[in-house]
Amino acid sequence: MNPILGEALDAHGGMERWRRFDTVRATLVSGGDLFIIKGIPQDPTPREMTASLHREHASVAPFGALDQHSDFTPDRVAIEKADGTVVAERTEPRKAFQGHVLETPWDPLDRAYFNGYALWTYLTTPFLLAMPEVEVEEIEPWREQGQEWRGLRATFPSTFAGHSTRQDFYFGPDRLLRRHDYHVDIAGGFAAAQYVYDIVEVDGIRLPTRRRAYRRDGALRPIKSQVMVAMDLSDIRFS
């Protein structure tokens, strides 16, 4: 295992503790320019997020109506009622984004797919980097706030649903996550730099509760005037 990754895993609670849990739940409030550009502005209603920890599966409720929730896996995304009735679904959902640019509108299933993979990624970082078939290598550190943040580049397998095949993660001197860089392939491939804040400890696992994803310029600097996605988490529970 890459030594920086090993240190990051330990700093966030350790693999032994992580393996004790199967599911995480949290209250989510989200927004940002991306949803406005896509024609689906987010309201400030708190939602319940549920994610499996060891496979890509996530759900958000309510979704579209009080008695509905989303259901995401890489191969299928759906909107379902509480009794399991399928309102809408799409298999091989990634294919629906072919030809999309940043301004291409999203339908509810597009949003459910994005919400599902993005939130699953955020709630399982950095532990997802230790999953089989994920390749990790050290990259040049990023210097900010008078600190050197060590960088890891992850290359994900084709079966993985995420922002992009390659994503960069930066960890502070304490090896806690500071920043996450990627391209949003399903939205024209724009470059993003996501900063994380307000790390809490829940059941021995440490994770950020506030995320802000900015457009990124050619020098890897965040464009602070363009907050593409904002996510705040609270009431986090592992089980």
Protein backbone atom coordinates (compact mmCIF):
# COMPACT_ATOMS: atom_id res chain seq x y z
CA MET A 1 0.00 0.00 0.00
CA ASN A 2 1.18 3.53 -0.72
CA PRO A 3 2.61 4.90 2.56
CA ILE A 4 0.75 8.23 2.29
CA LEU A 5 -2.50 6.35 1.77
CA GLY A 6 -1.78 4.16 4.77
CA GLU A 7 -1.20 7.24 6.92
CA ALA A 8 -4.39 8.86 5.60
CA LEU A 9 -6.45 5.77 6.33
CA ASP A 10 -5.13 5.66 9.88
CA ALA A 11 -5.80 9.38 10.37
CA HIS A 12 -9.42 8.93 9.30
CA GLY A 13 -10.06 6.04 11.69
CA GLY A 14 -8.24 3.05 10.23
CA MET A 15 -9.29 0.17 8.01
CA GLU A 16 -10.01 -2.17 10.90
CA ARG A 17 -12.61 0.19 12.31
CA TRP A 18 -13.99 1.00 8.83
CA ARG A 19 -14.63 -2.67 8.13
CA ARG A 20 -16.86 -2.91 11.23
CA PHE A 21 -19.54 -0.83 9.50
CA ASP A 22 -21.71 -1.46 6.46
CA THR A 23 -23.77 1.73 6.12
CA VAL A 24 -23.56 5.46 6.78
CA ARG A 25 -26.49 7.86 7.04
CA ALA A 26 -26.41 11.65 7.18
CA THR A 27 -28.60 14.71 6.81
CA LEU A 28 -27.69 16.64 3.66
CA VAL A 29 -28.24 20.21 2.49
CA SER A 30 -26.83 20.94 -0.96
CA GLY A 31 -26.74 23.67 -3.59
CA GLY A 32 -24.41 25.47 -5.99
CA ASP A 33 -24.16 26.88 -9.49
CA LEU A 34 -24.02 23.47 -11.20
CA PHE A 35 -27.63 22.70 -10.31
CA ILE A 36 -28.75 26.13 -11.52
CA ILE A 37 -26.90 25.68 -14.82
CA LYS A 38 -28.54 22.29 -15.22
CA GLY A 39 -32.01 23.74 -14.70
CA ILE A 40 -32.60 21.97 -11.38
CA PRO A 41 -31.78 24.48 -8.64
CA GLN A 42 -31.58 22.88 -5.22
CA ASP A 43 -33.83 24.07 -2.42
CA PRO A 44 -32.53 24.22 1.19
CA THR A 45 -34.67 21.28 2.32
CA PRO A 46 -32.61 18.83 4.42
CA ARG A 47 -32.53 15.33 2.95
CA GLU A 48 -31.54 11.93 4.30
CA MET A 49 -28.54 10.36 2.60
CA THR A 50 -27.84 6.63 2.93
CA ALA A 51 -24.76 4.92 1.48
CA SER A 52 -23.31 1.43 1.57
CA LEU A 53 -19.65 1.52 2.57
CA HIS A 54 -18.17 -1.38 0.63
CA ARG A 55 -20.04 -1.18 -2.68
CA GLU A 56 -21.38 1.72 -4.74
CA HIS A 57 -24.96 2.04 -3.59
CA ALA A 58 -26.64 5.21 -2.31
CA SER A 59 -30.05 6.78 -1.81
CA VAL A 60 -31.43 10.26 -1.12
CA ALA A 61 -34.85 10.94 0.42
CA PRO A 62 -37.08 12.71 -0.19
CA PHE A 63 -36.43 12.96 -3.91
CA GLY A 64 -38.97 14.76 -6.09
CA ALA A 65 -41.83 14.07 -3.66
CA LEU A 66 -42.09 13.44 0.06
CA ASP A 67 -42.83 9.73 -0.44
CA GLN A 68 -40.05 9.15 -2.99
CA HIS A 69 -36.34 8.38 -2.83
CA SER A 70 -33.52 7.85 -5.32
CA ASP A 71 -31.70 4.53 -5.66
CA PHE A 72 -28.24 4.54 -7.26
CA THR A 73 -25.77 1.88 -8.37
CA PRO A 74 -23.31 2.22 -11.28
CA ASP A 75 -25.54 0.04 -13.47
CA ARG A 76 -28.93 1.49 -12.55
CA VAL A 77 -30.49 4.63 -11.19
CA ALA A 78 -34.13 4.88 -10.17
CA ILE A 79 -36.72 7.00 -8.39
CA GLU A 80 -38.93 4.86 -6.19
CA LYS A 81 -41.78 5.29 -3.77
CA ALA A 82 -41.55 4.21 -0.15
CA ASP A 83 -43.39 0.96 -0.94
CA GLY A 84 -40.88 0.09 -3.68
CA THR A 85 -42.97 1.20 -6.64
CA VAL A 86 -40.66 2.38 -9.42
CA VAL A 87 -41.52 5.88 -10.62
CA ALA A 88 -38.69 6.06 -13.18
CA GLU A 89 -35.50 4.13 -13.82
CA ARG A 90 -32.57 3.97 -16.20
CA THR A 91 -30.10 1.15 -16.75
CA GLU A 92 -26.55 1.92 -17.88
CA PRO A 93 -27.13 5.53 -16.77
CA ARG A 94 -23.67 6.79 -17.74
CA LYS A 95 -24.53 6.42 -21.42
CA ALA A 96 -27.28 9.03 -21.08
CA PHE A 97 -24.61 11.73 -20.62
CA GLN A 98 -22.83 11.13 -23.92
CA GLY A 99 -22.48 14.43 -25.78
CA HIS A 100 -23.37 16.52 -22.73
CA VAL A 101 -21.72 19.89 -22.22
CA LEU A 102 -21.86 22.00 -19.08
CA GLU A 103 -25.08 23.72 -20.17
CA THR A 104 -26.96 20.55 -21.14
CA PRO A 105 -30.07 20.33 -18.90
CA TRP A 106 -30.44 17.38 -16.54
CA ASP A 107 -33.60 15.40 -15.90
CA PRO A 108 -34.42 13.94 -12.47
CA LEU A 109 -32.63 10.65 -13.23
CA ASP A 110 -29.51 12.55 -14.30
CA ARG A 111 -29.56 14.39 -10.98
CA ALA A 112 -30.15 11.15 -9.07
CA TYR A 113 -27.13 9.56 -10.75
CA PHE A 114 -24.88 12.54 -9.99
CA ASN A 115 -26.09 12.78 -6.39
CA GLY A 116 -25.63 9.05 -5.90
CA TYR A 117 -22.07 8.64 -7.09
CA ALA A 118 -20.84 12.00 -5.77
CA LEU A 119 -22.19 11.56 -2.27
CA TRP A 120 -21.06 7.94 -2.12
CA THR A 121 -17.54 9.07 -3.04
CA TYR A 122 -17.50 11.83 -0.44
CA LEU A 123 -18.80 9.64 2.38
CA THR A 124 -16.27 6.86 1.71
CA THR A 125 -13.12 8.95 1.13
CA PRO A 126 -10.32 8.05 1.70
CA PHE A 127 -11.26 4.42 2.34
CA LEU A 128 -12.47 3.88 -1.23
CA LEU A 129 -8.84 4.36 -2.34
CA ALA A 130 -7.98 1.03 -0.71
CA MET A 131 -10.62 -0.88 -2.65
CA PRO A 132 -9.50 -3.59 -5.12
CA GLU A 133 -8.60 -2.39 -8.63
CA VAL A 134 -8.08 1.23 -7.53
CA GLU A 135 -4.54 2.28 -8.50
CA VAL A 136 -2.91 4.94 -6.34
CA GLU A 137 0.30 6.90 -6.92
CA GLU A 138 1.85 9.90 -5.24
CA ILE A 139 1.85 13.20 -7.16
CA GLU A 140 3.36 16.62 -6.56
CA PRO A 141 2.19 18.15 -3.30
CA TRP A 142 -0.01 21.25 -3.19
CA ARG A 143 1.11 24.17 -1.04
CA GLU A 144 -1.50 26.36 0.58
CA GLN A 145 -2.13 28.09 3.90
CA GLY A 146 1.55 27.77 4.74
CA GLN A 147 1.32 23.98 4.54
CA GLU A 148 2.37 21.22 2.16
CA TRP A 149 -0.49 18.91 1.29
CA ARG A 150 0.69 15.53 0.04
CA GLY A 151 -1.10 14.36 -3.10
CA LEU A 152 -2.38 11.00 -4.29
CA ARG A 153 -3.76 10.29 -7.75
CA ALA A 154 -6.33 7.52 -7.93
CA THR A 155 -7.15 5.71 -11.17
CA PHE A 156 -10.50 3.96 -10.91
CA PRO A 157 -11.64 0.88 -12.87
CA SER A 158 -14.16 1.14 -15.70
CA THR A 159 -16.84 -0.37 -13.46
CA PHE A 160 -16.60 2.58 -11.06
CA ALA A 161 -19.09 5.45 -11.29
CA GLY A 162 -17.45 8.74 -10.38
CA HIS A 163 -16.55 12.22 -11.54
CA SER A 164 -13.66 10.98 -13.67
CA THR A 165 -11.35 7.99 -14.06
CA ARG A 166 -8.46 9.91 -12.48
CA GLN A 167 -8.95 11.98 -9.35
CA ASP A 168 -6.46 13.70 -7.05
CA PHE A 169 -6.67 13.80 -3.25
CA TYR A 170 -4.57 16.07 -1.04
CA PHE A 171 -3.86 15.46 2.64
CA GLY A 172 -2.51 17.85 5.26
CA PRO A 173 0.41 17.26 7.65
CA ASP A 174 -2.04 15.40 9.90
CA ARG A 175 -2.98 13.30 6.83
CA LEU A 176 -6.58 14.43 6.99
CA LEU A 177 -8.21 15.28 3.66
CA ARG A 178 -7.95 18.92 2.59
CA ARG A 179 -8.79 18.97 -1.09
CA HIS A 180 -10.16 16.73 -3.86
CA ASP A 181 -9.59 17.53 -7.57
CA TYR A 182 -11.36 15.99 -10.55
CA HIS A 183 -13.12 16.62 -13.86
CA VAL A 184 -16.90 16.28 -13.99
CA ASP A 185 -17.09 14.11 -17.10
CA ILE A 186 -20.90 13.99 -17.16
CA ALA A 187 -21.06 17.81 -17.30
CA GLY A 188 -18.68 18.60 -20.13
CA GLY A 189 -15.57 17.62 -18.18
CA PHE A 190 -15.05 20.91 -16.36
CA ALA A 191 -12.19 20.91 -13.85
CA ALA A 192 -13.07 21.22 -10.16
CA ALA A 193 -11.16 21.75 -6.93
CA GLN A 194 -13.19 20.73 -3.91
CA TYR A 195 -12.19 21.91 -0.44
CA VAL A 196 -13.36 20.19 2.73
CA TYR A 197 -13.94 21.69 6.17
CA ASP A 198 -15.23 21.02 9.68
CA ILE A 199 -14.00 17.47 10.17
CA VAL A 200 -15.84 15.55 12.88
CA GLU A 201 -15.34 12.16 14.48
CA VAL A 202 -18.25 9.72 14.44
CA ASP A 203 -17.86 6.22 15.88
CA GLY A 204 -14.10 6.62 15.51
CA ILE A 205 -14.29 7.62 11.82
CA ARG A 206 -13.21 11.14 10.88
CA LEU A 207 -14.80 12.89 7.92
CA PRO A 208 -15.56 16.43 6.73
CA THR A 209 -19.04 17.88 7.11
CA ARG A 210 -18.69 20.80 4.70
CA ARG A 211 -17.59 20.68 1.06
CA ARG A 212 -17.25 23.44 -1.53
CA ALA A 213 -16.36 22.56 -5.12
CA TYR A 214 -15.04 25.43 -7.25
CA ARG A 215 -14.16 25.71 -10.92
CA ARG A 216 -10.41 25.20 -11.30
CA ASP A 217 -8.09 27.18 -13.56
CA GLY A 218 -5.15 25.91 -15.60
CA ALA A 219 -2.75 26.47 -12.70
CA LEU A 220 -4.87 24.22 -10.45
CA ARG A 221 -6.12 27.22 -8.47
CA PRO A 222 -9.76 27.36 -7.35
CA ILE A 223 -11.93 30.12 -8.81
CA LYS A 224 -13.61 31.11 -5.58
CA SER A 225 -16.32 33.14 -7.33
CA GLN A 226 -17.69 29.97 -8.96
CA VAL A 227 -19.05 27.60 -6.30
CA MET A 228 -20.30 24.74 -8.44
CA VAL A 229 -21.44 22.45 -5.61
CA ALA A 230 -21.91 23.10 -1.89
CA MET A 231 -22.74 20.28 0.50
CA ASP A 232 -23.26 20.37 4.26
CA LEU A 233 -23.66 17.18 6.29
CA SER A 234 -24.96 16.70 9.83
CA ASP A 235 -26.31 13.94 12.06
CA ILE A 236 -23.89 11.36 10.62
CA ARG A 237 -24.43 7.76 11.79
CA PHE A 238 -22.54 4.55 11.01
CA SER A 239 -24.11 1.12 11.41
